Amino acid sequence: MIRLPARPADGGVPRSATVLELLFDIVYVFALARLAGRIADDLTIVRHTLLSEAGQTILFFVAMWMIWSINAVTSSIYDPRSPTIQVELVATMFGTLILAVSLPQAFGERGVIFAVTYVLLQVLRPLHLALALRGGGGTAWRAPVRVLCWHTVSGTFWLTGAAGAGVTRGVLWTIAVGIEVLGMLTAWAVPRLGSNRRKYEDLVYHHLAERYNQFFMIALAEVVLETGAAVSFPGLSVDRTIVLVAAFLTVVAYWRIYFYHRTWGRSEHQSGTGPAMRLTDRSNFSLLLIVGGVICSAVGFGQIVRDADPPIDWALVVVIFGGPALFLIGRAFLERELYSIRRSMALYVGLLALGVAAPITLRFPPMVAAVAVAAVMVGVALFDELHRHSGREGNPTL
């Protein structure tokens, strides 16, 4: 039987992520690398198919994100050290590996494998949790049953789409992902069963924040891995060294902008119905944009290293500048209700600077775009530091 939620002082959900959860997040490095690979491939194909290919990549990214996000919330409500949650973590890890391997050909010959694996993960996980909670009595089992209802509906579109091909598969899978996103937005509301909105009151804020921070750092490492791998094969040159330095400065700026902010008071940290509720409802989509932006940056810097000579085209400009833009939008949205307006203004100024610089770099070699992105992001980080009111140093939590 699963151990029900309890406060840290009572030996319930730990404040920090467990070792198994860290292993789970590390598995996503492989999945992120596959997604980054799809974006890189999109930049090398004929331009009239680029938008459809990019749409497929976004669809897979949101689907993979749904798996991770639901897992993070579940392990922040129920004790991740309990056998029930550990079984779910291990099973989801294995399923994620299968999904990552299937990603490159998910719209081709591996579509059935991808869809079946995805549906099994999203259906069996809440079913397993509901059965475990049912054995403990009470009505706690209703929370995973609501999630199960939504994924049962979306699963029919996943499987039907896998049986089709081309545009049909894309349309049906997009509907499936849309159903799941709508379910999350409505807190998995089901007629006569209610919604999971009250269940979020049991969420341990510190634990979920730790998972978010952990996943962000893993995504950030992808920028270093992608750029470093691109540099290592041909070796260093003046242009490649400049791009490598620009990528490094951008990574440092991402870290600084993400982690350093005004800290909340003690009462806000411990409240279950305040920040924790907003964290569950809103920040999962904010972190979706943040991580998506980081992955685009990894691909953009890697592509510039591989081909630093002119000319640069609009697709690469969109990726290299769109990554930081998504990051800033996600970060601004995350703190819109919780932090000072001065902090957000720095992010909006950075967005404006990216929009102005992007079209100008079309006239210069790709290296200039990398330098421009690094300059803007470092500028945002410095501006934020000069106007930051928090006296706490180190790495504050989310």
Protein backbone atom coordinates (compact mmCIF):
# COMPACT_ATOMS: atom_id res chain seq x y z
CA MET A 1 0.00 0.00 0.00
CA ILE A 2 1.26 3.48 -0.83
CA ARG A 3 2.39 5.82 1.91
CA LEU A 4 -0.02 8.76 1.95
CA PRO A 5 1.16 12.39 1.86
CA ALA A 6 2.56 13.81 5.03
CA ARG A 7 4.55 16.85 6.01
CA PRO A 8 8.35 16.51 6.09
CA ALA A 9 8.36 16.66 9.87
CA ASP A 10 6.14 13.58 9.91
CA GLY A 11 8.46 11.56 7.70
CA GLY A 12 6.38 12.03 4.55
CA VAL A 13 7.46 13.55 1.22
CA PRO A 14 11.13 14.64 1.50
CA ARG A 15 12.01 18.25 0.77
CA SER A 16 14.71 17.24 -1.71
CA ALA A 17 14.46 14.94 -4.70
CA THR A 18 15.44 11.33 -4.06
CA VAL A 19 18.28 9.49 -5.80
CA LEU A 20 15.82 7.47 -7.90
CA GLU A 21 14.17 10.68 -9.06
CA LEU A 22 17.59 12.01 -10.05
CA LEU A 23 18.17 8.85 -12.08
CA PHE A 24 14.75 9.32 -13.66
CA ASP A 25 15.63 12.87 -14.69
CA ILE A 26 19.00 11.79 -16.07
CA VAL A 27 17.22 9.36 -18.39
CA TYR A 28 15.60 12.42 -19.92
CA VAL A 29 19.02 13.61 -21.07
CA PHE A 30 18.78 10.94 -23.75
CA ALA A 31 15.24 12.00 -24.64
CA LEU A 32 16.28 15.67 -24.81
CA ALA A 33 19.20 14.71 -27.06
CA ARG A 34 16.77 12.93 -29.42
CA LEU A 35 14.54 16.00 -29.51
CA ALA A 36 17.53 18.24 -30.15
CA GLY A 37 18.56 15.88 -32.94
CA ARG A 38 15.14 16.22 -34.59
CA ILE A 39 15.42 20.03 -34.52
CA ALA A 40 18.93 19.84 -36.01
CA ASP A 41 17.62 17.57 -38.76
CA ASP A 42 14.80 20.04 -39.41
CA LEU A 43 17.41 22.70 -40.21
CA THR A 44 19.02 20.55 -42.91
CA ILE A 45 15.91 19.55 -44.89
CA VAL A 46 14.13 21.30 -47.73
CA ARG A 47 12.57 24.51 -46.41
CA HIS A 48 9.04 23.85 -47.73
CA THR A 49 8.73 20.92 -45.29
CA LEU A 50 10.40 22.65 -42.37
CA LEU A 51 7.22 23.91 -40.69
CA SER A 52 5.55 20.49 -40.70
CA GLU A 53 8.71 18.83 -39.35
CA ALA A 54 9.00 21.47 -36.63
CA GLY A 55 5.36 20.88 -35.73
CA GLN A 56 6.07 17.18 -35.25
CA THR A 57 9.00 17.98 -32.96
CA ILE A 58 6.87 20.33 -30.85
CA LEU A 59 4.19 17.66 -30.58
CA PHE A 60 6.69 15.10 -29.29
CA PHE A 61 8.24 17.60 -26.91
CA VAL A 62 4.86 18.41 -25.32
CA ALA A 63 3.99 14.70 -25.10
CA MET A 64 7.29 13.85 -23.40
CA TRP A 65 6.82 16.84 -21.14
CA MET A 66 3.41 15.58 -20.04
CA ILE A 67 4.99 12.36 -18.80
CA TRP A 68 7.68 14.15 -16.83
CA SER A 69 5.37 16.83 -15.42
CA ILE A 70 2.74 14.39 -14.14
CA ASN A 71 5.47 12.26 -12.60
CA ALA A 72 6.99 15.27 -10.81
CA VAL A 73 3.64 16.33 -9.33
CA THR A 74 2.79 12.77 -8.29
CA SER A 75 6.08 12.24 -6.47
CA SER A 76 5.62 15.62 -4.75
CA ILE A 77 2.21 14.60 -3.39
CA TYR A 78 2.96 10.97 -2.50
CA ASP A 79 6.14 9.76 -0.84
CA PRO A 80 8.63 8.91 -3.64
CA ARG A 81 10.33 6.45 -1.27
CA SER A 82 7.25 4.22 -1.14
CA PRO A 83 7.40 0.98 -3.19
CA THR A 84 4.35 2.01 -5.24
CA ILE A 85 5.91 5.26 -6.47
CA GLN A 86 9.31 3.62 -7.00
CA VAL A 87 7.74 0.97 -9.23
CA GLU A 88 6.10 3.73 -11.25
CA LEU A 89 9.38 5.62 -11.55
CA VAL A 90 11.30 2.60 -12.78
CA ALA A 91 8.58 1.59 -15.23
CA THR A 92 8.34 5.14 -16.58
CA MET A 93 12.11 5.30 -16.98
CA PHE A 94 12.07 2.21 -19.16
CA GLY A 95 9.12 3.50 -21.17
CA THR A 96 10.89 6.82 -21.67
CA LEU A 97 13.89 5.02 -23.16
CA ILE A 98 11.60 3.25 -25.62
CA LEU A 99 9.97 6.57 -26.55
CA ALA A 100 13.34 8.26 -27.04
CA VAL A 101 14.58 5.48 -29.30
CA SER A 102 11.35 5.68 -31.32
CA LEU A 103 11.38 9.47 -31.69
CA PRO A 104 13.38 9.80 -34.95
CA GLN A 105 10.95 7.50 -36.81
CA ALA A 106 7.79 8.16 -34.79
CA PHE A 107 6.02 9.54 -37.87
CA GLY A 108 7.31 6.59 -39.86
CA GLU A 109 7.80 2.93 -39.17
CA ARG A 110 8.12 3.30 -35.38
CA GLY A 111 4.86 5.18 -34.93
CA VAL A 112 3.01 2.17 -33.49
CA ILE A 113 5.80 1.52 -30.97
CA PHE A 114 5.81 5.14 -29.86
CA ALA A 115 2.02 5.42 -29.52
CA VAL A 116 1.52 2.10 -27.73
CA THR A 117 4.35 2.80 -25.29
CA TYR A 118 3.07 6.29 -24.59
CA VAL A 119 -0.50 5.15 -23.98
CA LEU A 120 0.62 2.30 -21.71
CA LEU A 121 2.65 4.72 -19.61
CA GLN A 122 -0.12 7.29 -19.29
CA VAL A 123 -2.86 4.73 -18.57
CA LEU A 124 -1.15 2.11 -16.42
CA ARG A 125 0.51 4.63 -14.11
CA PRO A 126 -2.71 6.21 -12.74
CA LEU A 127 -4.40 2.81 -12.76
CA HIS A 128 -1.62 1.34 -10.62
CA LEU A 129 -1.79 4.31 -8.25
CA ALA A 130 -5.59 4.13 -8.00
CA LEU A 131 -5.47 0.44 -7.09
CA ALA A 132 -2.84 1.10 -4.41
CA LEU A 133 -4.86 3.94 -2.89
CA ARG A 134 -8.10 1.95 -3.11
CA GLY A 135 -6.61 -0.60 -0.77
CA GLY A 136 -6.06 2.12 1.85
CA GLY A 137 -9.71 3.10 2.00
CA GLY A 138 -11.19 6.58 1.69
CA THR A 139 -11.62 8.56 -1.52
CA ALA A 140 -7.95 9.26 -2.32
CA TRP A 141 -8.20 6.83 -5.25
CA ARG A 142 -10.39 9.29 -7.13
CA ALA A 143 -7.45 11.60 -7.93
CA PRO A 144 -5.58 9.12 -10.18
CA VAL A 145 -8.89 7.86 -11.61
CA ARG A 146 -9.61 11.35 -12.93
CA VAL A 147 -6.22 11.39 -14.65
CA LEU A 148 -6.91 7.90 -15.98
CA CYS A 149 -10.20 9.04 -17.55
CA TRP A 150 -8.51 11.82 -19.51
CA HIS A 151 -5.68 9.60 -20.73
CA THR A 152 -8.10 6.87 -21.74
CA VAL A 153 -9.81 9.34 -24.05
CA SER A 154 -6.54 10.74 -25.44
CA GLY A 155 -5.18 7.20 -25.79
CA THR A 156 -7.84 6.35 -28.38
CA PHE A 157 -6.54 9.18 -30.58
CA TRP A 158 -2.91 8.10 -30.06
CA LEU A 159 -3.66 4.53 -31.11
CA THR A 160 -5.96 5.52 -33.97
CA GLY A 161 -3.31 7.91 -35.24
CA ALA A 162 -0.67 5.19 -35.09
CA ALA A 163 -2.84 3.11 -37.41
CA GLY A 164 -2.91 5.95 -39.91
CA ALA A 165 -0.10 7.84 -41.62
CA GLY A 166 0.99 11.27 -42.78
CA VAL A 167 -1.41 14.13 -42.14
CA THR A 168 -4.01 11.86 -40.51
CA ARG A 169 -1.54 10.70 -37.90
CA GLY A 170 -0.42 14.24 -37.22
CA VAL A 171 -3.97 15.55 -36.76
CA LEU A 172 -5.06 12.72 -34.45
CA TRP A 173 -1.92 12.93 -32.35
CA THR A 174 -2.28 16.69 -32.06
CA ILE A 175 -5.84 16.20 -30.80
CA ALA A 176 -4.55 13.64 -28.28
CA VAL A 177 -1.93 16.03 -26.91
CA GLY A 178 -4.51 18.82 -26.83
CA ILE A 179 -6.82 16.68 -24.73
CA GLU A 180 -4.04 16.00 -22.22
CA VAL A 181 -3.03 19.65 -22.00
CA LEU A 182 -6.68 20.61 -21.45
CA GLY A 183 -6.92 17.96 -18.75
CA MET A 184 -3.94 19.42 -16.94
CA LEU A 185 -5.31 22.96 -17.25
CA THR A 186 -8.63 21.87 -15.71
CA ALA A 187 -6.91 19.87 -12.96
CA TRP A 188 -8.22 16.67 -14.58
CA ALA A 189 -11.87 17.56 -13.93
CA VAL A 190 -14.34 14.72 -14.56
CA PRO A 191 -18.16 14.92 -14.22
CA ARG A 192 -19.37 13.53 -10.87
CA LEU A 193 -15.78 12.87 -9.78
CA GLY A 194 -14.73 16.51 -9.44
CA SER A 195 -11.18 17.68 -10.08
CA ASN A 196 -7.74 17.29 -8.51
CA ARG A 197 -7.53 20.96 -7.57
CA ARG A 198 -7.95 20.26 -3.86
CA LYS A 199 -5.44 17.42 -4.09
CA TYR A 200 -2.73 19.96 -4.88
CA GLU A 201 -3.07 21.19 -1.30
CA ASP A 202 -1.09 18.08 -0.28
CA LEU A 203 1.75 19.03 -2.60
CA VAL A 204 5.12 19.55 -0.90
CA TYR A 205 6.38 22.72 -2.55
CA HIS A 206 10.09 22.28 -1.82
CA HIS A 207 10.17 18.82 -3.35
CA LEU A 208 8.49 19.92 -6.60
CA ALA A 209 10.76 22.96 -6.82
CA GLU A 210 13.77 20.68 -6.44
CA ARG A 211 12.53 18.50 -9.31
CA TYR A 212 12.04 21.56 -11.52
CA ASN A 213 15.51 22.90 -10.70
CA GLN A 214 17.04 19.50 -11.32
CA PHE A 215 15.40 19.10 -14.71
CA PHE A 216 16.35 22.62 -15.76
CA MET A 217 20.01 21.93 -14.97
CA ILE A 218 19.90 18.72 -17.00
CA ALA A 219 18.46 20.64 -19.95
CA LEU A 220 21.12 23.33 -19.50
CA ALA A 221 23.83 20.69 -19.73
CA GLU A 222 22.50 19.85 -23.20
CA VAL A 223 23.77 23.23 -24.46
CA VAL A 224 27.28 22.39 -23.26
CA LEU A 225 27.13 18.84 -24.63
CA GLU A 226 25.77 19.86 -28.04
CA THR A 227 28.21 22.74 -28.54
CA GLY A 228 31.18 20.84 -27.14
CA ALA A 229 30.50 17.82 -29.33
CA ALA A 230 30.23 20.05 -32.40
CA VAL A 231 33.59 21.70 -31.61
CA SER A 232 35.49 18.54 -30.66
CA PHE A 233 35.43 16.82 -34.06
CA PRO A 234 36.78 19.57 -36.37
CA GLY A 235 38.80 21.14 -33.56
CA LEU A 236 39.16 24.72 -32.38
CA SER A 237 39.47 27.70 -34.70
CA VAL A 238 38.96 31.40 -34.12
CA ASP A 239 35.29 31.30 -35.17
CA ARG A 240 34.51 28.09 -33.28
CA THR A 241 36.22 29.41 -30.16
CA ILE A 242 34.13 32.57 -30.27
CA VAL A 243 30.93 30.54 -30.63
CA LEU A 244 32.00 28.21 -27.80
CA VAL A 245 32.62 31.20 -25.51
CA ALA A 246 29.26 32.68 -26.53
CA ALA A 247 27.50 29.40 -25.70
CA PHE A 248 29.23 29.23 -22.32
CA LEU A 249 28.26 32.81 -21.44
CA THR A 250 24.67 32.09 -22.47
CA VAL A 251 24.56 29.01 -20.22
CA VAL A 252 25.85 31.07 -17.29
CA ALA A 253 23.27 33.77 -18.02
CA TYR A 254 20.47 31.18 -18.15
CA TRP A 255 21.57 29.82 -14.77
CA ARG A 256 21.78 33.27 -13.23
CA ILE A 257 18.45 34.49 -14.57
CA TYR A 258 16.63 31.28 -13.60
CA PHE A 259 17.88 30.90 -10.04
CA TYR A 260 18.48 34.41 -8.70
CA HIS A 261 15.33 36.23 -7.75
CA ARG A 262 13.48 37.63 -4.78
CA THR A 263 12.88 34.95 -2.17
CA TRP A 264 9.53 34.42 -0.51
CA GLY A 265 8.76 34.65 3.15
CA ARG A 266 8.53 31.61 5.40
CA SER A 267 4.72 31.57 5.37
CA GLU A 268 4.64 31.51 1.57
CA HIS A 269 7.04 28.58 1.39
CA GLN A 270 5.02 26.51 3.80
CA SER A 271 1.60 27.31 2.40
CA GLY A 272 0.00 24.51 0.45
CA THR A 273 -2.87 26.46 -1.07
CA GLY A 274 -0.85 29.51 -2.17
CA PRO A 275 2.43 29.18 -4.09
CA ALA A 276 2.18 25.40 -4.35
CA MET A 277 -1.17 25.69 -6.08
CA ARG A 278 0.13 28.23 -8.57
CA LEU A 279 3.27 26.18 -9.07
CA THR A 280 1.23 23.17 -10.13
CA ASP A 281 -1.23 25.06 -12.33
CA ARG A 282 1.13 27.44 -14.08
CA SER A 283 4.81 26.74 -13.71
CA ASN A 284 4.70 23.36 -15.46
CA PHE A 285 3.84 25.22 -18.67
CA SER A 286 6.37 27.94 -17.86
CA LEU A 287 9.09 25.34 -17.44
CA LEU A 288 7.94 23.79 -20.71
CA LEU A 289 8.83 27.05 -22.46
CA ILE A 290 12.05 27.43 -20.48
CA VAL A 291 13.34 23.96 -21.29
CA GLY A 292 12.19 24.24 -24.90
CA GLY A 293 14.17 27.46 -25.20
CA VAL A 294 17.28 25.85 -23.75
CA ILE A 295 17.04 22.95 -26.23
CA CYS A 296 16.72 25.41 -29.14
CA SER A 297 19.84 27.19 -27.88
CA ALA A 298 21.72 23.90 -27.77
CA VAL A 299 20.77 23.16 -31.36
CA GLY A 300 21.44 26.71 -32.55
CA PHE A 301 24.95 26.95 -31.12
CA GLY A 302 25.76 23.45 -32.35
CA GLN A 303 24.65 24.30 -35.88
CA ILE A 304 26.69 27.51 -35.96
CA VAL A 305 29.80 25.63 -34.83
CA ARG A 306 29.33 23.07 -37.60
CA ASP A 307 28.83 25.75 -40.27
CA ALA A 308 30.22 29.07 -39.12
CA ASP A 309 30.64 30.45 -42.64
CA PRO A 310 28.06 32.72 -44.30
CA PRO A 311 25.37 32.87 -45.31
CA ILE A 312 22.98 32.44 -42.39
CA ASP A 313 19.31 31.81 -43.21
CA TRP A 314 16.03 32.64 -41.50
CA ALA A 315 15.50 29.14 -40.06
CA LEU A 316 18.74 29.22 -38.06
CA VAL A 317 18.02 32.78 -36.92
CA VAL A 318 14.62 31.66 -35.62
CA VAL A 319 16.20 28.81 -33.66
CA ILE A 320 19.16 30.71 -32.22
CA PHE A 321 17.09 33.75 -31.17
CA GLY A 322 13.86 31.86 -30.50
CA GLY A 323 15.53 29.76 -27.80
CA PRO A 324 16.41 32.71 -25.51
CA ALA A 325 13.05 34.31 -26.32
CA LEU A 326 11.16 31.21 -25.15
CA PHE A 327 13.33 31.10 -22.04
CA LEU A 328 12.59 34.72 -21.13
CA ILE A 329 8.86 34.35 -21.83
CA GLY A 330 8.68 31.24 -19.66
CA ARG A 331 10.64 32.88 -16.85
CA ALA A 332 8.53 36.04 -16.97
CA PHE A 333 5.29 34.05 -16.93
CA LEU A 334 6.53 31.95 -14.03
CA GLU A 335 7.07 34.94 -11.79
CA ARG A 336 4.25 37.16 -13.07
CA GLU A 337 2.09 36.65 -10.00
CA LEU A 338 4.81 36.14 -7.44
CA TYR A 339 7.72 38.50 -8.02
CA SER A 340 8.45 42.17 -8.47
CA ILE A 341 7.63 44.07 -11.66
CA ARG A 342 11.21 45.35 -11.85
CA ARG A 343 12.49 41.82 -12.30
CA SER A 344 10.03 41.11 -15.10
CA MET A 345 10.91 44.37 -16.86
CA ALA A 346 14.48 43.11 -17.28
CA LEU A 347 13.14 40.03 -19.03
CA TYR A 348 10.88 42.08 -21.31
CA VAL A 349 13.75 44.40 -22.25
CA GLY A 350 15.76 41.30 -23.14
CA LEU A 351 12.92 40.08 -25.37
CA LEU A 352 12.84 43.43 -27.15
CA ALA A 353 16.61 43.35 -27.68
CA LEU A 354 16.41 39.85 -29.17
CA GLY A 355 13.65 40.96 -31.55
CA VAL A 356 15.70 43.93 -32.73
CA ALA A 357 18.96 42.00 -33.14
CA ALA A 358 17.54 38.93 -34.93
CA PRO A 359 16.78 40.47 -38.36
CA ILE A 360 20.03 42.46 -38.32
CA THR A 361 22.14 39.29 -38.00
CA LEU A 362 20.75 37.98 -41.29
CA ARG A 363 23.27 40.28 -42.97
CA PHE A 364 26.27 38.83 -41.12
CA PRO A 365 27.99 35.45 -40.64
CA PRO A 366 26.28 33.03 -38.20
CA MET A 367 28.95 33.71 -35.57
CA VAL A 368 27.53 37.21 -35.12
CA ALA A 369 24.14 35.75 -34.16
CA ALA A 370 25.77 33.64 -31.44
CA VAL A 371 27.63 36.65 -30.06
CA ALA A 372 24.46 38.78 -30.16
CA VAL A 373 22.46 36.20 -28.21
CA ALA A 374 25.19 35.90 -25.58
CA ALA A 375 25.44 39.68 -25.25
CA VAL A 376 21.69 40.09 -24.76
CA MET A 377 21.39 37.29 -22.19
CA VAL A 378 24.43 38.44 -20.22
CA GLY A 379 23.01 41.96 -20.31
CA VAL A 380 19.70 40.74 -18.86
CA ALA A 381 21.53 38.84 -16.11
CA LEU A 382 23.65 41.89 -15.21
CA PHE A 383 20.65 44.23 -15.24
CA ASP A 384 18.78 41.83 -13.01
CA GLU A 385 21.70 41.62 -10.59
CA LEU A 386 21.95 45.39 -10.30
CA HIS A 387 18.25 45.66 -9.44
CA ARG A 388 17.84 42.53 -7.34
CA HIS A 389 16.49 43.23 -3.85
CA SER A 390 17.12 39.83 -2.30
CA GLY A 391 20.06 39.64 0.09
CA ARG A 392 20.35 35.86 -0.13
CA GLU A 393 23.32 34.53 -2.05
CA GLY A 394 23.99 31.07 -3.43
CA ASN A 395 21.44 29.08 -5.40
CA PRO A 396 17.92 29.91 -4.23
CA THR A 397 15.25 27.34 -4.99
CA LEU A 398 12.53 27.94 -7.53
